[in-house]
Amino acid sequence: MRPVYFRACLFTLAVLCGSMAALQAQEGRGLLDLLGLGGKTVDEVEIEYADPEAVMAWVELPRTAKVGDEMTLTIEIENGRAEKPLRLSGLEVEETFLEGFTLVSVAPEPRQQGRSFGYLSLEYPVDIAAGKSVKYELKLQAKEPGIYIGDVDVHEGKRWLSRAAQIRITE
């Protein structure tokens, strides 16, 4: 696995948070403290993605729907590792995708559910055994016409794998 440096991402986040001057004045420490990465400079931060050859994720849903239709957003996660379990910590679905829907139900029931930083967060502290897969389903009802696109993220601690969800809703 190769570490991915997020200098540009943290720089962008600093600008969005209005802390550009703090980032420059404190060599990145102010924003990194806020992110729980205190004591490191921007150049020292590494975030590793889940190994794409060992952890797979698929997002399934219809390509089109009409206002009022109910559908299922299915997220399937497979642990392709030879021996090591995948320690799933949760799923996130971007709000920009969910804006066109009413969330009807989530199965299985998450340990905790909430919304933060533009995502619906579903906490699933589960170990997925080597070679096994699990499915999660969100029942949605289309409420507004439009094209809705957003990320669906699978989290294993600080690592994640991201897939896109996209649908067109018509009248």
N, C-alpha and C. Protein backbone atom coordinates (compact mmCIF):
# COMPACT_ATOMS: atom_id res chain seq x y z
N MET A 1 0.84 -1.18 0.00
CA MET A 1 0.00 0.00 0.00
C MET A 1 0.88 1.25 0.00
N ARG A 2 0.55 2.20 -0.86
CA ARG A 2 1.30 3.44 -0.90
C ARG A 2 0.55 4.51 -0.13
N PRO A 3 1.25 5.25 0.75
CA PRO A 3 0.58 6.34 1.45
C PRO A 3 0.24 7.47 0.48
N VAL A 4 -0.85 8.13 0.73
CA VAL A 4 -1.27 9.24 -0.11
C VAL A 4 -1.18 10.51 0.73
N TYR A 5 -0.46 11.49 0.24
CA TYR A 5 -0.31 12.74 0.98
C TYR A 5 -1.44 13.69 0.61
N PHE A 6 -2.02 14.29 1.60
CA PHE A 6 -3.18 15.14 1.40
C PHE A 6 -2.87 16.61 1.62
N ARG A 7 -1.72 17.06 1.15
CA ARG A 7 -1.36 18.46 1.30
C ARG A 7 -2.38 19.36 0.62
N ALA A 8 -2.73 19.05 -0.63
CA ALA A 8 -3.68 19.88 -1.36
C ALA A 8 -5.05 19.85 -0.71
N CYS A 9 -5.46 18.69 -0.24
CA CYS A 9 -6.76 18.56 0.41
C CYS A 9 -6.81 19.38 1.69
N LEU A 10 -5.77 19.29 2.51
CA LEU A 10 -5.75 20.06 3.75
C LEU A 10 -5.65 21.55 3.47
N PHE A 11 -4.92 21.92 2.42
CA PHE A 11 -4.82 23.31 2.02
C PHE A 11 -6.21 23.83 1.64
N THR A 12 -6.94 23.05 0.84
CA THR A 12 -8.30 23.43 0.43
C THR A 12 -9.21 23.52 1.65
N LEU A 13 -9.10 22.56 2.56
CA LEU A 13 -9.92 22.57 3.77
C LEU A 13 -9.62 23.82 4.60
N ALA A 14 -8.34 24.19 4.67
CA ALA A 14 -7.97 25.39 5.42
C ALA A 14 -8.61 26.63 4.82
N VAL A 15 -8.61 26.71 3.49
CA VAL A 15 -9.23 27.86 2.82
C VAL A 15 -10.73 27.88 3.11
N LEU A 16 -11.37 26.70 2.99
CA LEU A 16 -12.81 26.63 3.24
C LEU A 16 -13.16 26.97 4.68
N CYS A 17 -12.30 26.63 5.59
CA CYS A 17 -12.55 26.91 7.01
C CYS A 17 -12.17 28.33 7.38
N GLY A 18 -11.60 29.07 6.45
CA GLY A 18 -11.21 30.45 6.74
C GLY A 18 -9.98 30.54 7.62
N SER A 19 -9.19 29.47 7.67
CA SER A 19 -8.03 29.49 8.54
C SER A 19 -6.73 29.46 7.75
N MET A 20 -6.73 30.06 6.56
CA MET A 20 -5.54 30.09 5.73
C MET A 20 -4.39 30.78 6.44
N ALA A 21 -4.66 31.91 7.05
CA ALA A 21 -3.59 32.63 7.75
C ALA A 21 -3.06 31.81 8.91
N ALA A 22 -3.94 31.15 9.63
CA ALA A 22 -3.52 30.30 10.75
C ALA A 22 -2.67 29.14 10.25
N LEU A 23 -3.05 28.58 9.12
CA LEU A 23 -2.30 27.47 8.55
C LEU A 23 -0.88 27.91 8.19
N GLN A 24 -0.75 29.07 7.55
CA GLN A 24 0.57 29.56 7.17
C GLN A 24 1.37 30.00 8.39
N ALA A 25 0.74 30.69 9.32
CA ALA A 25 1.44 31.22 10.48
C ALA A 25 1.91 30.12 11.42
N GLN A 26 1.14 29.03 11.49
CA GLN A 26 1.48 27.97 12.43
C GLN A 26 2.03 26.73 11.73
N GLU A 27 2.47 26.86 10.49
CA GLU A 27 3.03 25.75 9.73
C GLU A 27 2.09 24.56 9.69
N GLY A 28 0.79 24.81 9.58
CA GLY A 28 -0.17 23.73 9.47
C GLY A 28 -0.67 23.18 10.78
N ARG A 29 -0.08 23.57 11.88
CA ARG A 29 -0.44 22.94 13.15
C ARG A 29 -1.85 23.29 13.63
N GLY A 30 -2.34 24.51 13.39
CA GLY A 30 -3.66 24.88 13.87
C GLY A 30 -4.76 24.01 13.29
N LEU A 31 -4.77 23.85 11.98
CA LEU A 31 -5.79 23.04 11.33
C LEU A 31 -5.63 21.57 11.67
N LEU A 32 -4.39 21.09 11.72
CA LEU A 32 -4.16 19.68 12.03
C LEU A 32 -4.58 19.35 13.46
N ASP A 33 -4.39 20.29 14.38
CA ASP A 33 -4.89 20.08 15.74
C ASP A 33 -6.40 19.92 15.72
N LEU A 34 -7.06 20.76 14.92
CA LEU A 34 -8.51 20.70 14.78
C LEU A 34 -8.95 19.34 14.24
N LEU A 35 -8.15 18.75 13.34
CA LEU A 35 -8.47 17.45 12.74
C LEU A 35 -8.01 16.27 13.60
N GLY A 36 -7.44 16.56 14.78
CA GLY A 36 -6.99 15.48 15.64
C GLY A 36 -5.63 14.94 15.24
N LEU A 37 -4.88 15.69 14.46
CA LEU A 37 -3.57 15.26 14.00
C LEU A 37 -2.50 16.17 14.56
N GLY A 38 -2.73 16.69 15.77
CA GLY A 38 -1.84 17.66 16.39
C GLY A 38 -0.41 17.18 16.48
N GLY A 39 0.52 18.13 16.43
CA GLY A 39 1.93 17.82 16.54
C GLY A 39 2.59 17.48 15.22
N LYS A 40 1.83 17.47 14.13
CA LYS A 40 2.40 17.16 12.82
C LYS A 40 2.21 18.36 11.90
N THR A 41 3.10 18.49 10.94
CA THR A 41 2.92 19.51 9.92
C THR A 41 2.16 18.88 8.76
N VAL A 42 1.70 19.69 7.84
CA VAL A 42 0.95 19.19 6.69
C VAL A 42 1.76 18.13 5.93
N ASP A 43 3.07 18.33 5.81
CA ASP A 43 3.91 17.40 5.06
C ASP A 43 4.05 16.04 5.74
N GLU A 44 3.76 15.94 7.03
CA GLU A 44 3.93 14.69 7.76
C GLU A 44 2.68 13.83 7.81
N VAL A 45 1.55 14.34 7.34
CA VAL A 45 0.28 13.62 7.45
C VAL A 45 0.15 12.61 6.33
N GLU A 46 -0.13 11.37 6.69
CA GLU A 46 -0.37 10.32 5.72
C GLU A 46 -1.72 9.69 6.01
N ILE A 47 -2.51 9.48 4.98
CA ILE A 47 -3.76 8.75 5.12
C ILE A 47 -3.72 7.67 4.06
N GLU A 48 -3.86 6.43 4.48
CA GLU A 48 -3.78 5.32 3.55
C GLU A 48 -5.18 4.88 3.15
N TYR A 49 -5.36 4.63 1.87
CA TYR A 49 -6.61 4.06 1.40
C TYR A 49 -6.62 2.57 1.70
N ALA A 50 -7.81 2.00 1.81
CA ALA A 50 -7.91 0.56 1.90
C ALA A 50 -7.31 -0.04 0.64
N ASP A 51 -6.67 -1.18 0.74
CA ASP A 51 -6.02 -1.83 -0.39
C ASP A 51 -7.08 -2.21 -1.42
N PRO A 52 -7.05 -1.59 -2.63
CA PRO A 52 -8.11 -1.84 -3.60
C PRO A 52 -8.14 -3.27 -4.13
N GLU A 53 -7.04 -4.01 -4.00
CA GLU A 53 -7.04 -5.39 -4.45
C GLU A 53 -7.63 -6.33 -3.40
N ALA A 54 -7.63 -5.91 -2.15
CA ALA A 54 -8.10 -6.78 -1.08
C ALA A 54 -9.49 -6.41 -0.58
N VAL A 55 -9.87 -5.16 -0.70
CA VAL A 55 -11.19 -4.71 -0.22
C VAL A 55 -11.94 -4.14 -1.41
N MET A 56 -13.09 -4.69 -1.68
CA MET A 56 -13.90 -4.26 -2.82
C MET A 56 -15.23 -3.72 -2.31
N ALA A 57 -15.80 -2.77 -3.04
CA ALA A 57 -17.11 -2.22 -2.68
C ALA A 57 -17.88 -1.90 -3.96
N TRP A 58 -19.17 -2.21 -3.94
CA TRP A 58 -20.04 -1.92 -5.07
C TRP A 58 -21.28 -1.18 -4.56
N VAL A 59 -21.76 -0.25 -5.38
CA VAL A 59 -22.99 0.47 -5.09
C VAL A 59 -23.97 0.16 -6.21
N GLU A 60 -25.15 -0.31 -5.85
CA GLU A 60 -26.17 -0.64 -6.85
C GLU A 60 -27.45 0.14 -6.56
N LEU A 61 -28.03 0.70 -7.63
CA LEU A 61 -29.34 1.34 -7.55
C LEU A 61 -29.80 1.56 -8.98
N PRO A 62 -31.10 1.79 -9.17
CA PRO A 62 -31.59 2.04 -10.54
C PRO A 62 -30.93 3.29 -11.12
N ARG A 63 -30.85 3.35 -12.44
CA ARG A 63 -30.28 4.53 -13.10
C ARG A 63 -31.28 5.68 -13.14
N THR A 64 -32.58 5.35 -13.21
CA THR A 64 -33.62 6.37 -13.25
C THR A 64 -34.76 5.97 -12.33
N ALA A 65 -35.54 6.97 -11.93
CA ALA A 65 -36.73 6.74 -11.10
C ALA A 65 -37.66 7.93 -11.29
N LYS A 66 -38.91 7.76 -10.87
CA LYS A 66 -39.88 8.84 -10.90
C LYS A 66 -40.16 9.29 -9.48
N VAL A 67 -40.56 10.57 -9.34
CA VAL A 67 -40.93 11.09 -8.03
C VAL A 67 -41.98 10.17 -7.43
N GLY A 68 -41.78 9.78 -6.18
CA GLY A 68 -42.70 8.88 -5.48
C GLY A 68 -42.25 7.43 -5.49
N ASP A 69 -41.37 7.06 -6.43
CA ASP A 69 -40.87 5.68 -6.48
C ASP A 69 -40.02 5.35 -5.26
N GLU A 70 -40.15 4.12 -4.79
CA GLU A 70 -39.25 3.61 -3.75
C GLU A 70 -38.21 2.75 -4.42
N MET A 71 -36.97 2.83 -3.92
CA MET A 71 -35.89 2.03 -4.47
C MET A 71 -34.92 1.68 -3.36
N THR A 72 -33.99 0.79 -3.67
CA THR A 72 -32.99 0.37 -2.70
C THR A 72 -31.61 0.73 -3.21
N LEU A 73 -30.85 1.42 -2.37
CA LEU A 73 -29.43 1.65 -2.59
C LEU A 73 -28.72 0.53 -1.85
N THR A 74 -28.07 -0.37 -2.60
CA THR A 74 -27.37 -1.50 -2.00
C THR A 74 -25.88 -1.24 -2.03
N ILE A 75 -25.24 -1.44 -0.88
CA ILE A 75 -23.79 -1.30 -0.77
C ILE A 75 -23.25 -2.67 -0.36
N GLU A 76 -22.44 -3.26 -1.24
CA GLU A 76 -21.85 -4.57 -0.95
C GLU A 76 -20.36 -4.39 -0.74
N ILE A 77 -19.86 -5.00 0.33
CA ILE A 77 -18.45 -4.89 0.68
C ILE A 77 -17.88 -6.30 0.76
N GLU A 78 -16.76 -6.52 0.07
CA GLU A 78 -16.12 -7.84 0.06
C GLU A 78 -14.71 -7.73 0.62
N ASN A 79 -14.37 -8.64 1.53
CA ASN A 79 -13.03 -8.72 2.06
C ASN A 79 -12.27 -9.79 1.28
N GLY A 80 -11.41 -9.37 0.38
CA GLY A 80 -10.63 -10.29 -0.44
C GLY A 80 -9.29 -10.64 0.17
N ARG A 81 -9.04 -10.22 1.39
CA ARG A 81 -7.78 -10.54 2.05
C ARG A 81 -7.69 -12.04 2.31
N ALA A 82 -6.47 -12.56 2.29
CA ALA A 82 -6.26 -13.99 2.48
C ALA A 82 -6.60 -14.46 3.90
N GLU A 83 -6.22 -13.68 4.91
CA GLU A 83 -6.45 -14.12 6.29
C GLU A 83 -7.01 -13.03 7.20
N LYS A 84 -6.69 -11.81 6.95
CA LYS A 84 -7.01 -10.71 7.86
C LYS A 84 -8.46 -10.26 7.72
N PRO A 85 -9.19 -10.12 8.85
CA PRO A 85 -10.56 -9.59 8.75
C PRO A 85 -10.56 -8.11 8.38
N LEU A 86 -11.61 -7.69 7.75
CA LEU A 86 -11.84 -6.28 7.45
C LEU A 86 -12.63 -5.73 8.63
N ARG A 87 -12.07 -4.78 9.32
CA ARG A 87 -12.72 -4.21 10.50
C ARG A 87 -13.51 -2.97 10.08
N LEU A 88 -14.69 -3.22 9.55
CA LEU A 88 -15.56 -2.14 9.08
C LEU A 88 -15.95 -1.26 10.25
N SER A 89 -15.76 0.05 10.10
CA SER A 89 -16.21 0.96 11.16
C SER A 89 -17.48 1.69 10.77
N GLY A 90 -17.76 1.79 9.48
CA GLY A 90 -19.01 2.43 9.09
C GLY A 90 -19.07 2.79 7.63
N LEU A 91 -20.22 3.35 7.26
CA LEU A 91 -20.49 3.80 5.90
C LEU A 91 -20.91 5.26 5.96
N GLU A 92 -20.65 5.98 4.88
CA GLU A 92 -21.13 7.35 4.75
C GLU A 92 -21.72 7.54 3.36
N VAL A 93 -22.83 8.27 3.30
CA VAL A 93 -23.46 8.59 2.02
C VAL A 93 -23.55 10.11 1.94
N GLU A 94 -23.05 10.66 0.86
CA GLU A 94 -22.99 12.11 0.71
C GLU A 94 -24.39 12.71 0.59
N GLU A 95 -24.59 13.82 1.30
CA GLU A 95 -25.88 14.51 1.32
C GLU A 95 -26.31 15.00 -0.06
N THR A 96 -25.35 15.36 -0.92
CA THR A 96 -25.72 15.84 -2.26
C THR A 96 -26.48 14.77 -3.03
N PHE A 97 -26.20 13.52 -2.76
CA PHE A 97 -26.96 12.43 -3.38
C PHE A 97 -28.32 12.30 -2.70
N LEU A 98 -28.36 12.36 -1.39
CA LEU A 98 -29.59 12.12 -0.63
C LEU A 98 -30.61 13.25 -0.71
N GLU A 99 -30.23 14.42 -1.23
CA GLU A 99 -31.15 15.57 -1.30
C GLU A 99 -32.42 15.26 -2.09
N GLY A 100 -32.36 14.34 -3.03
CA GLY A 100 -33.53 14.02 -3.84
C GLY A 100 -34.42 12.95 -3.26
N PHE A 101 -34.14 12.51 -2.03
CA PHE A 101 -34.84 11.37 -1.45
C PHE A 101 -35.31 11.62 -0.03
N THR A 102 -36.28 10.79 0.36
CA THR A 102 -36.62 10.61 1.76
C THR A 102 -36.04 9.26 2.14
N LEU A 103 -35.30 9.21 3.24
CA LEU A 103 -34.74 7.96 3.73
C LEU A 103 -35.84 7.20 4.45
N VAL A 104 -36.22 6.04 3.93
CA VAL A 104 -37.31 5.25 4.49
C VAL A 104 -36.79 4.31 5.57
N SER A 105 -35.70 3.58 5.26
CA SER A 105 -35.14 2.64 6.24
C SER A 105 -33.71 2.28 5.88
N VAL A 106 -33.02 1.71 6.85
CA VAL A 106 -31.65 1.24 6.68
C VAL A 106 -31.57 -0.17 7.26
N ALA A 107 -31.00 -1.11 6.50
CA ALA A 107 -30.87 -2.48 6.98
C ALA A 107 -29.47 -3.00 6.63
N PRO A 108 -28.83 -3.68 7.56
CA PRO A 108 -29.24 -3.84 8.94
C PRO A 108 -29.18 -2.50 9.68
N GLU A 109 -29.82 -2.46 10.81
CA GLU A 109 -29.87 -1.25 11.63
C GLU A 109 -28.46 -0.89 12.10
N PRO A 110 -28.01 0.35 11.86
CA PRO A 110 -26.67 0.74 12.33
C PRO A 110 -26.66 0.92 13.85
N ARG A 111 -25.48 0.78 14.44
CA ARG A 111 -25.36 1.01 15.88
C ARG A 111 -25.65 2.47 16.20
N GLN A 112 -25.22 3.35 15.30
CA GLN A 112 -25.47 4.78 15.45
C GLN A 112 -25.63 5.39 14.07
N GLN A 113 -26.48 6.39 13.97
CA GLN A 113 -26.75 7.07 12.70
C GLN A 113 -26.80 8.56 12.95
N GLY A 114 -26.19 9.34 12.07
CA GLY A 114 -26.22 10.78 12.23
C GLY A 114 -25.78 11.47 10.95
N ARG A 115 -25.86 12.78 10.96
CA ARG A 115 -25.45 13.58 9.80
C ARG A 115 -24.40 14.59 10.26
N SER A 116 -23.29 14.61 9.52
CA SER A 116 -22.24 15.59 9.82
C SER A 116 -21.35 15.79 8.61
N PHE A 117 -20.85 17.01 8.48
CA PHE A 117 -19.93 17.38 7.41
C PHE A 117 -20.43 16.97 6.03
N GLY A 118 -21.74 17.07 5.80
CA GLY A 118 -22.30 16.80 4.48
C GLY A 118 -22.52 15.33 4.17
N TYR A 119 -22.51 14.48 5.18
CA TYR A 119 -22.69 13.04 4.99
C TYR A 119 -23.68 12.46 5.98
N LEU A 120 -24.41 11.44 5.53
CA LEU A 120 -25.17 10.58 6.43
C LEU A 120 -24.18 9.52 6.89
N SER A 121 -23.92 9.45 8.18
CA SER A 121 -22.96 8.49 8.74
C SER A 121 -23.70 7.35 9.40
N LEU A 122 -23.31 6.13 9.05
CA LEU A 122 -23.90 4.91 9.61
C LEU A 122 -22.78 4.12 10.26
N GLU A 123 -22.85 3.95 11.58
CA GLU A 123 -21.79 3.25 12.30
C GLU A 123 -22.08 1.76 12.35
N TYR A 124 -21.17 0.97 11.81
CA TYR A 124 -21.27 -0.49 11.79
C TYR A 124 -19.93 -1.08 12.24
N PRO A 125 -19.68 -1.18 13.53
CA PRO A 125 -18.42 -1.79 13.96
C PRO A 125 -18.51 -3.32 13.81
N VAL A 126 -18.08 -3.80 12.63
CA VAL A 126 -18.24 -5.21 12.28
C VAL A 126 -16.94 -5.72 11.68
N ASP A 127 -16.59 -6.97 12.00
CA ASP A 127 -15.47 -7.64 11.34
C ASP A 127 -16.04 -8.49 10.22
N ILE A 128 -15.50 -8.29 9.01
CA ILE A 128 -15.88 -9.11 7.87
C ILE A 128 -14.74 -10.10 7.65
N ALA A 129 -15.04 -11.38 7.81
CA ALA A 129 -14.02 -12.42 7.71
C ALA A 129 -13.40 -12.44 6.32
N ALA A 130 -12.17 -12.94 6.25
CA ALA A 130 -11.46 -13.06 4.97
C ALA A 130 -12.31 -13.87 3.99
N GLY A 131 -12.43 -13.36 2.77
CA GLY A 131 -13.18 -14.05 1.73
C GLY A 131 -14.70 -13.89 1.80
N LYS A 132 -15.20 -13.15 2.76
CA LYS A 132 -16.65 -12.98 2.93
C LYS A 132 -17.08 -11.59 2.48
N SER A 133 -18.40 -11.43 2.30
CA SER A 133 -18.94 -10.12 1.93
C SER A 133 -20.21 -9.86 2.74
N VAL A 134 -20.57 -8.59 2.83
CA VAL A 134 -21.79 -8.17 3.51
C VAL A 134 -22.50 -7.15 2.63
N LYS A 135 -23.82 -7.04 2.83
CA LYS A 135 -24.63 -6.06 2.10
C LYS A 135 -25.37 -5.17 3.08
N TYR A 136 -25.48 -3.92 2.70
CA TYR A 136 -26.26 -2.94 3.45
C TYR A 136 -27.25 -2.33 2.48
N GLU A 137 -28.46 -2.06 2.95
CA GLU A 137 -29.49 -1.52 2.07
C GLU A 137 -30.13 -0.28 2.68
N LEU A 138 -30.23 0.75 1.87
CA LEU A 138 -30.95 1.96 2.24
C LEU A 138 -32.18 2.04 1.35
N LYS A 139 -33.36 2.00 1.95
CA LYS A 139 -34.61 2.18 1.20
C LYS A 139 -34.83 3.68 1.08
N LEU A 140 -35.03 4.12 -0.16
CA LEU A 140 -35.19 5.53 -0.45
C LEU A 140 -36.47 5.76 -1.23
N GLN A 141 -37.09 6.93 -1.03
CA GLN A 141 -38.24 7.33 -1.84
C GLN A 141 -37.89 8.63 -2.54
N ALA A 142 -37.99 8.62 -3.87
CA ALA A 142 -37.66 9.80 -4.67
C ALA A 142 -38.66 10.92 -4.37
N LYS A 143 -38.13 12.13 -4.12
CA LYS A 143 -39.04 13.24 -3.79
C LYS A 143 -38.89 14.45 -4.68
N GLU A 144 -37.75 14.64 -5.34
CA GLU A 144 -37.52 15.82 -6.18
C GLU A 144 -36.90 15.41 -7.51
N PRO A 145 -37.42 15.94 -8.64
CA PRO A 145 -36.77 15.64 -9.92
C PRO A 145 -35.37 16.27 -9.98
N GLY A 146 -34.48 15.60 -10.70
CA GLY A 146 -33.13 16.11 -10.87
C GLY A 146 -32.14 14.96 -11.03
N ILE A 147 -30.89 15.33 -11.18
CA ILE A 147 -29.80 14.35 -11.23
C ILE A 147 -29.06 14.46 -9.91
N TYR A 148 -28.91 13.34 -9.23
CA TYR A 148 -28.28 13.32 -7.92
C TYR A 148 -27.06 12.42 -7.96
N ILE A 149 -25.93 12.99 -7.53
CA ILE A 149 -24.65 12.29 -7.55
C ILE A 149 -23.97 12.52 -6.20
N GLY A 150 -23.36 11.47 -5.66
CA GLY A 150 -22.63 11.63 -4.41
C GLY A 150 -21.80 10.41 -4.09
N ASP A 151 -20.86 10.58 -3.19
CA ASP A 151 -19.98 9.49 -2.78
C ASP A 151 -20.64 8.60 -1.74
N VAL A 152 -20.29 7.34 -1.80
CA VAL A 152 -20.62 6.36 -0.76
C VAL A 152 -19.26 5.86 -0.28
N ASP A 153 -18.95 6.09 0.98
CA ASP A 153 -17.64 5.73 1.53
C ASP A 153 -17.76 4.55 2.49
N VAL A 154 -16.82 3.62 2.37
CA VAL A 154 -16.71 2.47 3.26
C VAL A 154 -15.48 2.73 4.12
N HIS A 155 -15.65 2.73 5.45
CA HIS A 155 -14.55 3.08 6.35
C HIS A 155 -14.04 1.87 7.13
N GLU A 156 -12.72 1.79 7.18
CA GLU A 156 -12.03 0.85 8.06
C GLU A 156 -11.04 1.70 8.86
N GLY A 157 -11.48 2.16 10.02
CA GLY A 157 -10.66 3.07 10.80
C GLY A 157 -10.43 4.36 10.02
N LYS A 158 -9.16 4.74 9.82
CA LYS A 158 -8.82 5.95 9.08
C LYS A 158 -8.78 5.72 7.58
N ARG A 159 -8.86 4.47 7.15
CA ARG A 159 -8.82 4.16 5.73
C ARG A 159 -10.23 4.09 5.18
N TRP A 160 -10.37 4.42 3.90
CA TRP A 160 -11.69 4.32 3.29
C TRP A 160 -11.58 4.03 1.81
N LEU A 161 -12.68 3.55 1.30
CA LEU A 161 -12.83 3.27 -0.12
C LEU A 161 -14.08 4.03 -0.54
N SER A 162 -14.03 4.74 -1.65
CA SER A 162 -15.14 5.58 -2.07
C SER A 162 -15.70 5.11 -3.41
N ARG A 163 -17.02 5.08 -3.52
CA ARG A 163 -17.70 4.74 -4.76
C ARG A 163 -18.75 5.82 -5.01
N ALA A 164 -19.13 6.00 -6.26
CA ALA A 164 -20.10 7.03 -6.62
C ALA A 164 -21.49 6.42 -6.80
N ALA A 165 -22.49 7.15 -6.34
CA ALA A 165 -23.89 6.81 -6.59
C ALA A 165 -24.47 7.92 -7.46
N GLN A 166 -25.27 7.53 -8.45
CA GLN A 166 -25.84 8.52 -9.37
C GLN A 166 -27.20 8.03 -9.86
N ILE A 167 -28.16 8.96 -9.92
CA ILE A 167 -29.49 8.61 -10.39
C ILE A 167 -30.16 9.85 -10.98
N ARG A 168 -31.04 9.62 -11.95
CA ARG A 168 -31.88 10.70 -12.52
C ARG A 168 -33.31 10.45 -12.05
N ILE A 169 -33.92 11.48 -11.44
CA ILE A 169 -35.30 11.39 -10.99
C ILE A 169 -36.14 12.32 -11.88
N THR A 170 -37.22 11.76 -12.43
CA THR A 170 -38.11 12.54 -13.30
C THR A 170 -39.48 12.68 -12.64
N GLU A 171 -40.31 13.57 -13.19
CA GLU A 171 -41.66 13.83 -12.66
C GLU A 171 -42.53 12.61 -12.83
